Every structure is written in C-alpha cells, then in structure tokens.
Amino acid sequence: MPLPSPRLTRIAHLLLLDHRRHRVLLRDAADALTPPHIVCGTRQSYHQAATQAAGTWWGLTSWEAVPVIGHAWATPPGADRGRRTERRLLMATVTHPLRPRSEPAQLQVRWWNLGQVRQSHRPTHPTELADIVEGYWDGWLPDGPLTVEWA
C-alpha cells in the first residue's frame, strides 16, 4: 500500500538585511515583493534549508540570524483543505556584498531600501514586511516569534 503524500508543505523565506545601507533583498514576483523562499526537505529544519540555499545561491556560508522569526499558517482559497503550508520568515544580517553563484533565474532578487518598498505601492509578502524590518532596525520589535499575515 503506497504512503500518502505529506499533508504539510514547509517553506522558509530568507530575508537578508544590509543594516549599514538599510536595504533588504527581495524577489520581485508578479504579484508582490517577497523574500526568496526555499521549500524545506522532509528532514530539514527551516534554518538548515535557508543556510543551504544561501550557500548555493550567494556563497554565504554563515549569516547572523536575527532573533525575530515570522510564523504564518495558510491554506490558500480553493486549495485542498487537507494540505497546509507553514511558512517561516527568517531574517539575517549580511556584512559583505553578495556574489551570485548559482542563483536560479526565476529568483530575480535585488536590494530595496524601505522607502522604495513603500513608494512602489506593491503588495508585500508578508503584508507587514516593511514594518517588521523597520521595527527590528529601530529596536521596538521584540525578539522571538511573530505572527505574520501572508495574503
């Protein structure tokens, strides 16, 4: 008897922050600005998946994780109600320029400052992305888990 496919998809979104220049690395997707994402393997933690992708895509072997982690559970409208998607927004600061190694063409990431993100009037995923980053940089966002809206 074959085993059913997993009923949970786990996705890590890696939001890289350039604190000195107040920029974030975002993917310019068709529907919104969003951090690059990685689908986690069955036995992989969110952090392991993000670390592996950052090493493959940009040669980052280590990064300083920010102690704020966004959590989102979602079942898209019209999707099979038996399948859930769990998302983690992992934030990390980078101290040296990224050098693309094997960044997938569909990734299409670039650095954005928060003013550009807000002035673009583009939706962001998570919805509160600019506020989360600003809160972290300004020190008013507490460390720990944070529930985010993933429209």
C-alpha atoms as a PDB file:
ATOM      1  CA  MET A   1       0.000   0.000   0.000  1.00  0.00           C
ATOM      2  CA  PRO A   2       1.603   3.327  -1.056  1.00  0.00           C
ATOM      3  CA  LEU A   3       2.089   6.046   1.526  1.00  0.00           C
ATOM      4  CA  PRO A   4       0.068   9.236   1.049  1.00  0.00           C
ATOM      5  CA  SER A   5       1.969  12.390   0.147  1.00  0.00           C
ATOM      6  CA  PRO A   6       2.786  14.765   3.004  1.00  0.00           C
ATOM      7  CA  ARG A   7      -0.083  16.995   4.038  1.00  0.00           C
ATOM      8  CA  LEU A   8       2.205  19.827   5.076  1.00  0.00           C
ATOM      9  CA  THR A   9       4.499  21.977   2.951  1.00  0.00           C
ATOM     10  CA  ARG A  10       7.139  23.863   4.901  1.00  0.00           C
ATOM     11  CA  ILE A  11       8.626  26.992   3.309  1.00  0.00           C
ATOM     12  CA  ALA A  12      11.489  29.108   4.641  1.00  0.00           C
ATOM     13  CA  HIS A  13      11.616  32.722   3.474  1.00  0.00           C
ATOM     14  CA  LEU A  14      15.069  34.229   3.929  1.00  0.00           C
ATOM     15  CA  LEU A  15      15.032  37.999   4.360  1.00  0.00           C
ATOM     16  CA  LEU A  16      18.594  39.275   4.130  1.00  0.00           C
ATOM     17  CA  LEU A  17      19.233  42.680   5.689  1.00  0.00           C
ATOM     18  CA  ASP A  18      22.017  45.127   4.888  1.00  0.00           C
ATOM     19  CA  HIS A  19      21.875  47.144   8.110  1.00  0.00           C
ATOM     20  CA  ARG A  20      24.539  49.671   7.102  1.00  0.00           C
ATOM     21  CA  ARG A  21      22.632  50.742   3.998  1.00  0.00           C
ATOM     22  CA  HIS A  22      19.144  49.982   5.334  1.00  0.00           C
ATOM     23  CA  ARG A  23      18.322  47.636   2.467  1.00  0.00           C
ATOM     24  CA  VAL A  24      16.560  44.286   2.155  1.00  0.00           C
ATOM     25  CA  LEU A  25      16.977  41.622  -0.513  1.00  0.00           C
ATOM     26  CA  LEU A  26      13.605  40.920  -2.152  1.00  0.00           C
ATOM     27  CA  ARG A  27      12.265  38.924  -5.044  1.00  0.00           C
ATOM     28  CA  ASP A  28      10.159  40.942  -7.477  1.00  0.00           C
ATOM     29  CA  ALA A  29       7.435  38.362  -8.108  1.00  0.00           C
ATOM     30  CA  ALA A  30       4.496  39.018 -10.416  1.00  0.00           C
ATOM     31  CA  ASP A  31       2.048  39.564  -7.559  1.00  0.00           C
ATOM     32  CA  ALA A  32       4.225  41.027  -4.772  1.00  0.00           C
ATOM     33  CA  LEU A  33       7.644  41.796  -3.343  1.00  0.00           C
ATOM     34  CA  THR A  34       8.734  38.860  -1.223  1.00  0.00           C
ATOM     35  CA  PRO A  35      11.892  37.401   0.330  1.00  0.00           C
ATOM     36  CA  PRO A  36      13.430  34.476  -1.575  1.00  0.00           C
ATOM     37  CA  HIS A  37      11.946  31.161  -0.448  1.00  0.00           C
ATOM     38  CA  ILE A  38      13.089  27.587  -0.060  1.00  0.00           C
ATOM     39  CA  VAL A  39      10.868  24.523   0.253  1.00  0.00           C
ATOM     40  CA  CYS A  40      12.213  22.518   3.189  1.00  0.00           C
ATOM     41  CA  GLY A  41      13.076  18.890   2.770  1.00  0.00           C
ATOM     42  CA  THR A  42      11.396  16.234   4.886  1.00  0.00           C
ATOM     43  CA  ARG A  43      14.180  16.038   7.454  1.00  0.00           C
ATOM     44  CA  GLN A  44      15.384  19.621   7.121  1.00  0.00           C
ATOM     45  CA  SER A  45      14.793  22.475   9.560  1.00  0.00           C
ATOM     46  CA  TYR A  46      13.861  25.914   8.257  1.00  0.00           C
ATOM     47  CA  HIS A  47      17.294  27.210   9.236  1.00  0.00           C
ATOM     48  CA  GLN A  48      19.098  24.309   7.515  1.00  0.00           C
ATOM     49  CA  ALA A  49      17.143  24.833   4.289  1.00  0.00           C
ATOM     50  CA  ALA A  50      17.828  28.585   4.304  1.00  0.00           C
ATOM     51  CA  THR A  51      21.525  28.099   5.078  1.00  0.00           C
ATOM     52  CA  GLN A  52      21.926  25.563   2.274  1.00  0.00           C
ATOM     53  CA  ALA A  53      20.166  27.824  -0.262  1.00  0.00           C
ATOM     54  CA  ALA A  54      22.129  30.932   0.788  1.00  0.00           C
ATOM     55  CA  GLY A  55      25.361  28.997   0.346  1.00  0.00           C
ATOM     56  CA  THR A  56      24.344  27.664  -3.055  1.00  0.00           C
ATOM     57  CA  TRP A  57      22.880  30.909  -4.399  1.00  0.00           C
ATOM     58  CA  TRP A  58      25.254  33.533  -2.973  1.00  0.00           C
ATOM     59  CA  GLY A  59      28.181  31.719  -1.367  1.00  0.00           C
ATOM     60  CA  LEU A  60      27.044  32.661   2.144  1.00  0.00           C
ATOM     61  CA  THR A  61      28.408  30.012   4.457  1.00  0.00           C
ATOM     62  CA  SER A  62      27.341  31.786   7.615  1.00  0.00           C
ATOM     63  CA  TRP A  63      24.995  34.603   8.452  1.00  0.00           C
ATOM     64  CA  GLU A  64      23.884  36.292  11.617  1.00  0.00           C
ATOM     65  CA  ALA A  65      20.337  35.221  12.323  1.00  0.00           C
ATOM     66  CA  VAL A  66      18.050  37.887  13.709  1.00  0.00           C
ATOM     67  CA  PRO A  67      16.137  36.739  16.814  1.00  0.00           C
ATOM     68  CA  VAL A  68      12.785  37.695  15.238  1.00  0.00           C
ATOM     69  CA  ILE A  69      11.066  34.855  13.394  1.00  0.00           C
ATOM     70  CA  GLY A  70       7.823  35.324  11.492  1.00  0.00           C
ATOM     71  CA  HIS A  71       5.306  32.456  11.510  1.00  0.00           C
ATOM     72  CA  ALA A  72       2.391  32.018   9.100  1.00  0.00           C
ATOM     73  CA  TRP A  73      -0.033  29.154   8.533  1.00  0.00           C
ATOM     74  CA  ALA A  74      -2.032  29.235   5.340  1.00  0.00           C
ATOM     75  CA  THR A  75      -4.450  27.215   3.316  1.00  0.00           C
ATOM     76  CA  PRO A  76      -4.930  29.100   0.038  1.00  0.00           C
ATOM     77  CA  PRO A  77      -8.509  29.702  -1.149  1.00  0.00           C
ATOM     78  CA  GLY A  78      -9.696  26.860  -3.343  1.00  0.00           C
ATOM     79  CA  ALA A  79      -6.847  24.588  -2.246  1.00  0.00           C
ATOM     80  CA  ASP A  80      -7.288  21.122  -0.838  1.00  0.00           C
ATOM     81  CA  ARG A  81      -8.221  21.747   2.789  1.00  0.00           C
ATOM     82  CA  GLY A  82      -6.228  18.683   3.775  1.00  0.00           C
ATOM     83  CA  ARG A  83      -2.949  20.311   2.720  1.00  0.00           C
ATOM     84  CA  ARG A  84      -1.422  23.129   4.742  1.00  0.00           C
ATOM     85  CA  THR A  85       1.503  25.423   4.106  1.00  0.00           C
ATOM     86  CA  GLU A  86       3.596  26.534   7.023  1.00  0.00           C
ATOM     87  CA  ARG A  87       5.917  29.489   6.462  1.00  0.00           C
ATOM     88  CA  ARG A  88       8.789  30.879   8.494  1.00  0.00           C
ATOM     89  CA  LEU A  89      10.276  34.288   7.840  1.00  0.00           C
ATOM     90  CA  LEU A  90      13.928  34.051   8.822  1.00  0.00           C
ATOM     91  CA  MET A  91      15.822  37.322   8.957  1.00  0.00           C
ATOM     92  CA  ALA A  92      19.585  37.578   8.773  1.00  0.00           C
ATOM     93  CA  THR A  93      22.119  40.372   8.506  1.00  0.00           C
ATOM     94  CA  VAL A  94      24.893  40.278   5.941  1.00  0.00           C
ATOM     95  CA  THR A  95      28.150  42.143   6.413  1.00  0.00           C
ATOM     96  CA  HIS A  96      29.734  41.705   2.990  1.00  0.00           C
ATOM     97  CA  PRO A  97      28.437  42.008  -0.583  1.00  0.00           C
ATOM     98  CA  LEU A  98      26.659  39.003  -2.050  1.00  0.00           C
ATOM     99  CA  ARG A  99      28.209  37.353  -5.059  1.00  0.00           C
ATOM    100  CA  PRO A 100      25.645  35.350  -7.030  1.00  0.00           C
ATOM    101  CA  ARG A 101      26.908  31.835  -7.722  1.00  0.00           C
ATOM    102  CA  SER A 102      24.018  29.776  -8.984  1.00  0.00           C
ATOM    103  CA  GLU A 103      21.023  31.945  -8.232  1.00  0.00           C
ATOM    104  CA  PRO A 104      18.013  30.496 -10.072  1.00  0.00           C
ATOM    105  CA  ALA A 105      16.820  32.722 -12.927  1.00  0.00           C
ATOM    106  CA  GLN A 106      13.285  32.774 -11.533  1.00  0.00           C
ATOM    107  CA  LEU A 107      14.587  34.218  -8.256  1.00  0.00           C
ATOM    108  CA  GLN A 108      15.212  37.727  -9.661  1.00  0.00           C
ATOM    109  CA  VAL A 109      16.254  39.371  -6.413  1.00  0.00           C
ATOM    110  CA  ARG A 110      17.606  42.840  -5.821  1.00  0.00           C
ATOM    111  CA  TRP A 111      18.291  45.180  -2.928  1.00  0.00           C
ATOM    112  CA  TRP A 112      15.472  47.547  -1.943  1.00  0.00           C
ATOM    113  CA  ASN A 113      15.524  50.258   0.692  1.00  0.00           C
ATOM    114  CA  LEU A 114      12.356  50.606   2.751  1.00  0.00           C
ATOM    115  CA  GLY A 115      11.455  53.891   1.063  1.00  0.00           C
ATOM    116  CA  GLN A 116      11.458  52.143  -2.313  1.00  0.00           C
ATOM    117  CA  VAL A 117       9.338  49.301  -0.956  1.00  0.00           C
ATOM    118  CA  ARG A 118       6.755  51.704   0.457  1.00  0.00           C
ATOM    119  CA  GLN A 119       6.751  54.021  -2.590  1.00  0.00           C
ATOM    120  CA  SER A 120       6.339  51.147  -5.040  1.00  0.00           C
ATOM    121  CA  HIS A 121       2.774  50.605  -3.739  1.00  0.00           C
ATOM    122  CA  ARG A 122       3.322  46.921  -4.491  1.00  0.00           C
ATOM    123  CA  PRO A 123       1.896  44.331  -2.124  1.00  0.00           C
ATOM    124  CA  THR A 124       4.480  42.565   0.033  1.00  0.00           C
ATOM    125  CA  HIS A 125       4.557  39.089   1.487  1.00  0.00           C
ATOM    126  CA  PRO A 126       4.340  39.096   4.408  1.00  0.00           C
ATOM    127  CA  THR A 127       1.954  42.035   4.377  1.00  0.00           C
ATOM    128  CA  GLU A 128       3.802  43.779   7.237  1.00  0.00           C
ATOM    129  CA  LEU A 129       7.288  43.292   5.738  1.00  0.00           C
ATOM    130  CA  ALA A 130       8.400  46.957   5.837  1.00  0.00           C
ATOM    131  CA  ASP A 131       7.057  47.441   9.381  1.00  0.00           C
ATOM    132  CA  ILE A 132       8.813  44.281  10.612  1.00  0.00           C
ATOM    133  CA  VAL A 133      12.167  45.377   9.195  1.00  0.00           C
ATOM    134  CA  GLU A 134      11.747  48.939  10.434  1.00  0.00           C
ATOM    135  CA  GLY A 135      10.753  47.679  13.885  1.00  0.00           C
ATOM    136  CA  TYR A 136      13.820  45.476  14.056  1.00  0.00           C
ATOM    137  CA  TRP A 137      16.170  48.233  12.915  1.00  0.00           C
ATOM    138  CA  ASP A 138      14.627  50.814  15.255  1.00  0.00           C
ATOM    139  CA  GLY A 139      14.609  48.385  18.199  1.00  0.00           C
ATOM    140  CA  TRP A 140      10.899  48.414  19.047  1.00  0.00           C
ATOM    141  CA  LEU A 141      10.110  44.938  17.698  1.00  0.00           C
ATOM    142  CA  PRO A 142      10.640  42.326  20.424  1.00  0.00           C
ATOM    143  CA  ASP A 143      12.770  39.233  19.830  1.00  0.00           C
ATOM    144  CA  GLY A 144      11.035  35.909  19.349  1.00  0.00           C
ATOM    145  CA  PRO A 145       8.171  34.532  17.295  1.00  0.00           C
ATOM    146  CA  LEU A 146       5.897  36.906  15.428  1.00  0.00           C
ATOM    147  CA  THR A 147       2.650  36.007  13.667  1.00  0.00           C
ATOM    148  CA  VAL A 148       2.593  37.450  10.133  1.00  0.00           C
ATOM    149  CA  GLU A 149      -0.137  37.807   7.519  1.00  0.00           C
ATOM    150  CA  TRP A 150       0.653  36.004   4.295  1.00  0.00           C
ATOM    151  CA  ALA A 151      -2.024  37.098   1.826  1.00  0.00           C
END
